[in-house]
Amino acid sequence: MNNSLFSGQLVRLCSSRPEDAATLALWSEDAEYLRNLDTDFAMPASVESFVTSNNKSTNSMEFRLRTIEDNALIGFVALFNIEWNNQCGKMAIGIGNPNFRGRGYGTDALRLILRYGFCELNLHRIGLDVISNNKNAIHAYRKVGFQVEGTMRESVLRDGQKYDRILMSLLRNEYQK
């Protein structure tokens, strides 16, 4: 296994670059991407909103995902709502470029952010929530060890249909196995 803190087999965790803003804004026009990423309503964002975003919070870290092969920007991964006193945080991931979905890039990124969270930030628990119709994401989360810990029943409305929000987490000792 590659022991680099920021590099996996397929992707690298990188800082945001000014030239990324146009790509991120373009992804914000992809309704399928937005609706799988978050439970908020889908809304395109301007290039400026990504230029002015920063990574200055001590309670969150966001990385851009770039391919090892050709340095292509394909998505993001973040740890946020970190409670340092409790050693807990939440995570989010999005593969914005549809050409890289379902090909292992997300799983590689999950392994990297988990290693970063548990080994670098000394977290004990990393949680997330996912909409129940996002089967690919649920599969990827289970693949790296996340366990279902609860369900917020019928808490997301999409196209007139209600979906559950599934709460999942991974503990450091489960990660280390």
C-alpha atoms as a PDB file:
ATOM      1  CA  MET A   1       0.000   0.000   0.000  1.00  0.00           C
ATOM      2  CA  ASN A   2       1.159   3.503  -0.763  1.00  0.00           C
ATOM      3  CA  ASN A   3       2.027   5.211   2.534  1.00  0.00           C
ATOM      4  CA  SER A   4       1.909   8.778   1.259  1.00  0.00           C
ATOM      5  CA  LEU A   5      -0.430  10.924   3.323  1.00  0.00           C
ATOM      6  CA  PHE A   6      -1.904  12.633   0.268  1.00  0.00           C
ATOM      7  CA  SER A   7      -1.544  10.072  -2.545  1.00  0.00           C
ATOM      8  CA  GLY A   8      -3.452   6.865  -3.141  1.00  0.00           C
ATOM      9  CA  GLN A   9      -3.412   4.413  -6.016  1.00  0.00           C
ATOM     10  CA  LEU A  10      -5.611   6.523  -8.315  1.00  0.00           C
ATOM     11  CA  VAL A  11      -6.028   9.976  -6.735  1.00  0.00           C
ATOM     12  CA  ARG A  12      -4.220  12.636  -4.749  1.00  0.00           C
ATOM     13  CA  LEU A  13      -5.609  14.992  -2.121  1.00  0.00           C
ATOM     14  CA  CYS A  14      -4.739  18.523  -3.243  1.00  0.00           C
ATOM     15  CA  SER A  15      -5.409  22.075  -2.193  1.00  0.00           C
ATOM     16  CA  SER A  16      -7.818  24.237  -4.124  1.00  0.00           C
ATOM     17  CA  ARG A  17      -6.395  26.196  -7.042  1.00  0.00           C
ATOM     18  CA  PRO A  18      -7.912  29.339  -8.574  1.00  0.00           C
ATOM     19  CA  GLU A  19      -8.237  27.587 -11.942  1.00  0.00           C
ATOM     20  CA  ASP A  20     -10.444  24.909 -10.304  1.00  0.00           C
ATOM     21  CA  ALA A  21     -13.312  27.367  -9.814  1.00  0.00           C
ATOM     22  CA  ALA A  22     -14.629  27.136 -13.385  1.00  0.00           C
ATOM     23  CA  THR A  23     -14.766  23.329 -13.245  1.00  0.00           C
ATOM     24  CA  LEU A  24     -16.461  23.342  -9.835  1.00  0.00           C
ATOM     25  CA  ALA A  25     -19.037  25.841 -11.090  1.00  0.00           C
ATOM     26  CA  LEU A  26     -19.707  23.640 -14.114  1.00  0.00           C
ATOM     27  CA  TRP A  27     -20.303  20.643 -11.835  1.00  0.00           C
ATOM     28  CA  SER A  28     -22.783  22.743  -9.870  1.00  0.00           C
ATOM     29  CA  GLU A  29     -24.969  22.754 -12.987  1.00  0.00           C
ATOM     30  CA  ASP A  30     -25.221  18.941 -12.924  1.00  0.00           C
ATOM     31  CA  ALA A  31     -28.486  18.266 -11.097  1.00  0.00           C
ATOM     32  CA  GLU A  32     -27.797  14.537 -10.635  1.00  0.00           C
ATOM     33  CA  TYR A  33     -24.443  15.298  -9.009  1.00  0.00           C
ATOM     34  CA  LEU A  34     -25.916  17.947  -6.694  1.00  0.00           C
ATOM     35  CA  ARG A  35     -28.916  15.869  -5.712  1.00  0.00           C
ATOM     36  CA  ASN A  36     -26.742  12.890  -4.747  1.00  0.00           C
ATOM     37  CA  LEU A  37     -24.203  15.087  -2.989  1.00  0.00           C
ATOM     38  CA  ASP A  38     -26.495  16.885  -0.581  1.00  0.00           C
ATOM     39  CA  THR A  39     -30.036  17.005   0.731  1.00  0.00           C
ATOM     40  CA  ASP A  40     -30.352  20.733   0.038  1.00  0.00           C
ATOM     41  CA  PHE A  41     -32.127  21.895  -3.092  1.00  0.00           C
ATOM     42  CA  ALA A  42     -29.973  21.888  -6.227  1.00  0.00           C
ATOM     43  CA  MET A  43     -28.728  25.344  -7.175  1.00  0.00           C
ATOM     44  CA  PRO A  44     -25.996  26.288  -9.659  1.00  0.00           C
ATOM     45  CA  ALA A  45     -23.125  28.269  -8.163  1.00  0.00           C
ATOM     46  CA  SER A  46     -21.039  31.003  -9.726  1.00  0.00           C
ATOM     47  CA  VAL A  47     -17.343  30.746 -10.458  1.00  0.00           C
ATOM     48  CA  GLU A  48     -16.825  33.556  -7.928  1.00  0.00           C
ATOM     49  CA  SER A  49     -18.375  31.509  -5.122  1.00  0.00           C
ATOM     50  CA  PHE A  50     -15.648  28.906  -5.570  1.00  0.00           C
ATOM     51  CA  VAL A  51     -12.876  31.480  -5.889  1.00  0.00           C
ATOM     52  CA  THR A  52     -13.813  33.088  -2.592  1.00  0.00           C
ATOM     53  CA  SER A  53     -14.287  29.826  -0.696  1.00  0.00           C
ATOM     54  CA  ASN A  54     -11.414  29.080   1.630  1.00  0.00           C
ATOM     55  CA  ASN A  55     -10.054  26.318   3.784  1.00  0.00           C
ATOM     56  CA  LYS A  56      -9.318  28.456   6.842  1.00  0.00           C
ATOM     57  CA  SER A  57     -11.659  26.798   9.336  1.00  0.00           C
ATOM     58  CA  THR A  58     -10.034  24.694  12.030  1.00  0.00           C
ATOM     59  CA  ASN A  59     -13.151  22.520  12.099  1.00  0.00           C
ATOM     60  CA  SER A  60     -13.089  21.487   8.453  1.00  0.00           C
ATOM     61  CA  MET A  61     -10.636  20.440   5.772  1.00  0.00           C
ATOM     62  CA  GLU A  62     -11.534  20.220   2.106  1.00  0.00           C
ATOM     63  CA  PHE A  63      -9.330  18.701  -0.550  1.00  0.00           C
ATOM     64  CA  ARG A  64      -9.615  18.594  -4.316  1.00  0.00           C
ATOM     65  CA  LEU A  65      -9.248  15.172  -5.899  1.00  0.00           C
ATOM     66  CA  ARG A  66      -6.812  14.919  -8.790  1.00  0.00           C
ATOM     67  CA  THR A  67      -5.876  11.794 -10.690  1.00  0.00           C
ATOM     68  CA  ILE A  68      -2.395  10.347 -10.253  1.00  0.00           C
ATOM     69  CA  GLU A  69      -2.257   9.516 -13.962  1.00  0.00           C
ATOM     70  CA  ASP A  70      -2.796  12.949 -15.498  1.00  0.00           C
ATOM     71  CA  ASN A  71      -3.554  15.407 -12.662  1.00  0.00           C
ATOM     72  CA  ALA A  72      -7.185  15.836 -13.798  1.00  0.00           C
ATOM     73  CA  LEU A  73      -9.533  17.476 -11.306  1.00  0.00           C
ATOM     74  CA  ILE A  74     -12.317  14.944 -10.673  1.00  0.00           C
ATOM     75  CA  GLY A  75     -13.930  15.892  -7.372  1.00  0.00           C
ATOM     76  CA  PHE A  76     -13.517  16.802  -3.731  1.00  0.00           C
ATOM     77  CA  VAL A  77     -13.460  15.187  -0.312  1.00  0.00           C
ATOM     78  CA  ALA A  78     -13.901  16.930   3.029  1.00  0.00           C
ATOM     79  CA  LEU A  79     -13.867  16.428   6.754  1.00  0.00           C
ATOM     80  CA  PHE A  80     -16.115  18.940   8.497  1.00  0.00           C
ATOM     81  CA  ASN A  81     -17.978  19.660  11.735  1.00  0.00           C
ATOM     82  CA  ILE A  82     -14.942  18.373  13.572  1.00  0.00           C
ATOM     83  CA  GLU A  83     -15.394  18.321  17.332  1.00  0.00           C
ATOM     84  CA  TRP A  84     -11.807  18.182  18.532  1.00  0.00           C
ATOM     85  CA  ASN A  85     -12.750  17.537  22.152  1.00  0.00           C
ATOM     86  CA  ASN A  86     -14.771  14.467  21.111  1.00  0.00           C
ATOM     87  CA  GLN A  87     -12.412  13.358  18.315  1.00  0.00           C
ATOM     88  CA  CYS A  88     -15.381  13.167  15.925  1.00  0.00           C
ATOM     89  CA  GLY A  89     -16.075  14.578  12.509  1.00  0.00           C
ATOM     90  CA  LYS A  90     -18.203  14.144   9.425  1.00  0.00           C
ATOM     91  CA  MET A  91     -17.094  13.567   5.875  1.00  0.00           C
ATOM     92  CA  ALA A  92     -18.381  14.275   2.399  1.00  0.00           C
ATOM     93  CA  ILE A  93     -17.184  13.285  -1.045  1.00  0.00           C
ATOM     94  CA  GLY A  94     -18.221  14.139  -4.570  1.00  0.00           C
ATOM     95  CA  ILE A  95     -16.888  12.900  -7.892  1.00  0.00           C
ATOM     96  CA  GLY A  96     -17.981  15.764 -10.103  1.00  0.00           C
ATOM     97  CA  ASN A  97     -16.608  14.420 -13.367  1.00  0.00           C
ATOM     98  CA  PRO A  98     -19.017  11.649 -14.431  1.00  0.00           C
ATOM     99  CA  ASN A  99     -16.276   9.917 -16.444  1.00  0.00           C
ATOM    100  CA  PHE A 100     -14.596   8.952 -13.166  1.00  0.00           C
ATOM    101  CA  ARG A 101     -17.628   7.590 -11.307  1.00  0.00           C
ATOM    102  CA  GLY A 102     -17.902   3.862 -10.684  1.00  0.00           C
ATOM    103  CA  ARG A 103     -14.236   3.246 -11.520  1.00  0.00           C
ATOM    104  CA  GLY A 104     -12.635   3.091  -8.070  1.00  0.00           C
ATOM    105  CA  TYR A 105     -11.564   6.719  -7.765  1.00  0.00           C
ATOM    106  CA  GLY A 106     -14.097   7.437  -5.022  1.00  0.00           C
ATOM    107  CA  THR A 107     -13.078   4.368  -3.031  1.00  0.00           C
ATOM    108  CA  ASP A 108      -9.422   5.385  -3.290  1.00  0.00           C
ATOM    109  CA  ALA A 109     -10.320   8.905  -2.125  1.00  0.00           C
ATOM    110  CA  LEU A 110     -12.324   7.488   0.799  1.00  0.00           C
ATOM    111  CA  ARG A 111      -9.329   5.439   1.918  1.00  0.00           C
ATOM    112  CA  LEU A 112      -7.136   8.545   1.762  1.00  0.00           C
ATOM    113  CA  ILE A 113      -9.460  10.804   3.733  1.00  0.00           C
ATOM    114  CA  LEU A 114      -9.985   8.095   6.353  1.00  0.00           C
ATOM    115  CA  ARG A 115      -6.232   7.653   6.747  1.00  0.00           C
ATOM    116  CA  TYR A 116      -5.885  11.432   7.032  1.00  0.00           C
ATOM    117  CA  GLY A 117      -8.707  11.695   9.574  1.00  0.00           C
ATOM    118  CA  PHE A 118      -7.654   8.801  11.773  1.00  0.00           C
ATOM    119  CA  CYS A 119      -3.857   8.941  11.456  1.00  0.00           C
ATOM    120  CA  GLU A 120      -3.130  12.655  10.983  1.00  0.00           C
ATOM    121  CA  LEU A 121      -6.019  14.365  12.781  1.00  0.00           C
ATOM    122  CA  ASN A 122      -6.298  11.680  15.474  1.00  0.00           C
ATOM    123  CA  LEU A 123     -10.067  11.362  15.090  1.00  0.00           C
ATOM    124  CA  HIS A 124     -11.881   8.483  16.754  1.00  0.00           C
ATOM    125  CA  ARG A 125     -15.121   8.588  14.727  1.00  0.00           C
ATOM    126  CA  ILE A 126     -15.969   9.740  11.208  1.00  0.00           C
ATOM    127  CA  GLY A 127     -19.625   9.884  10.250  1.00  0.00           C
ATOM    128  CA  LEU A 128     -21.654  10.732   7.186  1.00  0.00           C
ATOM    129  CA  ASP A 129     -25.169  10.666   5.881  1.00  0.00           C
ATOM    130  CA  VAL A 130     -26.313   9.484   2.477  1.00  0.00           C
ATOM    131  CA  ILE A 131     -29.639   9.439   0.672  1.00  0.00           C
ATOM    132  CA  SER A 132     -31.017   5.901   0.443  1.00  0.00           C
ATOM    133  CA  ASN A 133     -31.383   6.017  -3.358  1.00  0.00           C
ATOM    134  CA  ASN A 134     -27.639   6.644  -3.796  1.00  0.00           C
ATOM    135  CA  LYS A 135     -26.772   2.939  -3.991  1.00  0.00           C
ATOM    136  CA  ASN A 136     -23.300   3.475  -5.492  1.00  0.00           C
ATOM    137  CA  ALA A 137     -22.221   5.697  -2.609  1.00  0.00           C
ATOM    138  CA  ILE A 138     -23.631   3.314   0.000  1.00  0.00           C
ATOM    139  CA  HIS A 139     -21.709   0.451  -1.630  1.00  0.00           C
ATOM    140  CA  ALA A 140     -18.457   2.468  -1.585  1.00  0.00           C
ATOM    141  CA  TYR A 141     -18.940   3.471   2.068  1.00  0.00           C
ATOM    142  CA  ARG A 142     -19.569  -0.136   3.120  1.00  0.00           C
ATOM    143  CA  LYS A 143     -16.557  -1.272   1.076  1.00  0.00           C
ATOM    144  CA  VAL A 144     -14.200   0.874   3.191  1.00  0.00           C
ATOM    145  CA  GLY A 145     -15.825  -0.169   6.471  1.00  0.00           C
ATOM    146  CA  PHE A 146     -18.623   2.284   7.248  1.00  0.00           C
ATOM    147  CA  GLN A 147     -21.538   0.801   9.163  1.00  0.00           C
ATOM    148  CA  VAL A 148     -25.155   1.901   9.212  1.00  0.00           C
ATOM    149  CA  GLU A 149     -26.035   3.331  12.589  1.00  0.00           C
ATOM    150  CA  GLY A 150     -29.437   4.823  11.926  1.00  0.00           C
ATOM    151  CA  THR A 151     -32.019   6.117   9.512  1.00  0.00           C
ATOM    152  CA  MET A 152     -33.869   9.389   9.257  1.00  0.00           C
ATOM    153  CA  ARG A 153     -37.013   8.032   7.687  1.00  0.00           C
ATOM    154  CA  GLU A 154     -38.486   9.800   4.655  1.00  0.00           C
ATOM    155  CA  SER A 155     -36.421  12.920   5.299  1.00  0.00           C
ATOM    156  CA  VAL A 156     -35.478  13.738   1.695  1.00  0.00           C
ATOM    157  CA  LEU A 157     -37.902  14.663  -1.072  1.00  0.00           C
ATOM    158  CA  ARG A 158     -36.824  14.059  -4.681  1.00  0.00           C
ATOM    159  CA  ASP A 159     -39.238  14.332  -7.609  1.00  0.00           C
ATOM    160  CA  GLY A 160     -42.257  13.816  -5.400  1.00  0.00           C
ATOM    161  CA  GLN A 161     -40.839  10.720  -3.709  1.00  0.00           C
ATOM    162  CA  LYS A 162     -39.593  10.492  -0.117  1.00  0.00           C
ATOM    163  CA  TYR A 163     -36.258   8.819   0.636  1.00  0.00           C
ATOM    164  CA  ASP A 164     -34.537   7.914   3.871  1.00  0.00           C
ATOM    165  CA  ARG A 165     -31.312   9.550   4.964  1.00  0.00           C
ATOM    166  CA  ILE A 166     -28.955   6.811   6.125  1.00  0.00           C
ATOM    167  CA  LEU A 167     -26.500   7.646   8.913  1.00  0.00           C
ATOM    168  CA  MET A 168     -23.209   5.759   8.746  1.00  0.00           C
ATOM    169  CA  SER A 169     -19.954   5.893  10.688  1.00  0.00           C
ATOM    170  CA  LEU A 170     -16.557   4.311  11.055  1.00  0.00           C
ATOM    171  CA  LEU A 171     -14.558   4.138  14.286  1.00  0.00           C
ATOM    172  CA  ARG A 172     -10.770   4.203  14.442  1.00  0.00           C
ATOM    173  CA  ASN A 173     -10.498   0.625  15.800  1.00  0.00           C
ATOM    174  CA  GLU A 174     -12.724  -0.612  12.921  1.00  0.00           C
ATOM    175  CA  TYR A 175     -10.536   1.275  10.450  1.00  0.00           C
ATOM    176  CA  GLN A 176      -7.373  -0.276  11.889  1.00  0.00           C
ATOM    177  CA  LYS A 177      -8.644  -3.859  11.389  1.00  0.00           C
END
